[in-house]
Amino acid sequence: MTTQILAPHESMELHEALNFKTLCLAKSKLMQGIVFDQELKDLMQKDVEQSIQAIAELQAVYARAPFQAPVPTNRPTPILN
């Protein structure tokens, strides 16, 4: 069976989703410290746990991204004037 790789546009969209989910996780984790309602804290903790699981799943798919651009050996000379 052949290994499936993602198309470049799928890789970029997955990258954006992974960044968004990571940002949401950080926000939920940080906001837990300033929330006093226990019910809301419990909901936020559940969101954190689900986000961690979702990020792990997205990372597994992201490993199939086809792009690993080579770093060029020479760089352009900066214009100083």
Protein backbone atom coordinates (compact mmCIF):
# COMPACT_ATOMS: atom_id res chain seq x y z
CA MET A 1 0.00 0.00 0.00
CA THR A 2 1.36 3.42 -0.91
CA THR A 3 1.83 6.17 1.62
CA GLN A 4 -0.48 9.09 1.04
CA ILE A 5 1.01 12.56 1.15
CA LEU A 6 -0.81 15.84 1.37
CA ALA A 7 -1.09 18.31 -1.45
CA PRO A 8 0.69 21.61 -0.83
CA HIS A 9 -2.57 23.52 -0.29
CA GLU A 10 -3.79 20.85 2.15
CA SER A 11 -0.53 21.13 4.05
CA MET A 12 -0.91 24.88 4.38
CA GLU A 13 -4.52 24.61 5.53
CA LEU A 14 -3.53 21.96 8.06
CA HIS A 15 -0.71 24.21 9.26
CA GLU A 16 -3.19 27.05 9.78
CA ALA A 17 -5.57 24.75 11.69
CA LEU A 18 -2.72 23.52 13.87
CA ASN A 19 -1.64 27.08 14.66
CA PHE A 20 -5.22 28.09 15.47
CA LYS A 21 -5.78 25.09 17.75
CA THR A 22 -2.48 25.76 19.54
CA LEU A 23 -3.48 29.38 20.11
CA CYS A 24 -6.89 28.31 21.44
CA LEU A 25 -5.22 25.86 23.80
CA ALA A 26 -2.89 28.52 25.16
CA LYS A 27 -5.75 30.96 25.65
CA SER A 28 -7.93 28.43 27.49
CA LYS A 29 -5.02 27.38 29.69
CA LEU A 30 -4.16 30.98 30.59
CA MET A 31 -7.76 32.06 31.17
CA GLN A 32 -8.29 29.28 33.73
CA GLY A 33 -6.16 31.27 36.16
CA ILE A 34 -8.51 34.25 36.20
CA VAL A 35 -11.86 32.44 36.16
CA PHE A 36 -13.59 31.98 39.49
CA ASP A 37 -16.69 30.05 38.45
CA GLN A 38 -16.02 26.33 38.93
CA GLU A 39 -18.40 25.26 36.18
CA LEU A 40 -16.64 27.50 33.69
CA LYS A 41 -13.25 26.23 34.88
CA ASP A 42 -14.39 22.66 34.33
CA LEU A 43 -15.54 23.52 30.80
CA MET A 44 -12.22 25.19 30.08
CA GLN A 45 -10.31 22.18 31.42
CA LYS A 46 -12.35 19.91 29.16
CA ASP A 47 -11.52 22.21 26.23
CA VAL A 48 -7.82 22.01 27.12
CA GLU A 49 -7.90 18.20 27.18
CA GLN A 50 -9.77 17.99 23.88
CA SER A 51 -7.45 20.53 22.28
CA ILE A 52 -4.39 18.53 23.33
CA GLN A 53 -5.90 15.44 21.75
CA ALA A 54 -6.84 17.33 18.57
CA ILE A 55 -3.35 18.81 18.26
CA ALA A 56 -1.81 15.34 18.57
CA GLU A 57 -4.09 14.06 15.80
CA LEU A 58 -3.32 17.04 13.57
CA GLN A 59 0.41 16.56 14.11
CA ALA A 60 0.12 12.94 13.00
CA VAL A 61 -1.51 14.05 9.75
CA TYR A 62 0.93 16.95 9.38
CA ALA A 63 3.82 14.47 9.32
CA ARG A 64 2.66 13.56 5.79
CA ALA A 65 3.20 17.09 4.51
CA PRO A 66 5.25 16.94 1.31
CA PHE A 67 7.13 20.17 1.67
CA GLN A 68 10.54 20.39 3.18
CA ALA A 69 12.05 23.21 1.24
CA PRO A 70 15.83 23.16 1.03
CA VAL A 71 17.61 26.13 2.53
CA PRO A 72 19.53 27.97 -0.19
CA THR A 73 23.30 28.02 0.26
CA ASN A 74 23.70 31.57 -1.01
CA ARG A 75 21.70 34.55 0.11
CA PRO A 76 21.11 37.85 -1.65
CA THR A 77 23.39 40.70 -0.72
CA PRO A 78 21.52 43.36 1.26
CA ILE A 79 21.27 46.84 -0.22
CA LEU A 80 22.69 49.27 2.30
CA ASN A 81 22.39 52.54 0.38
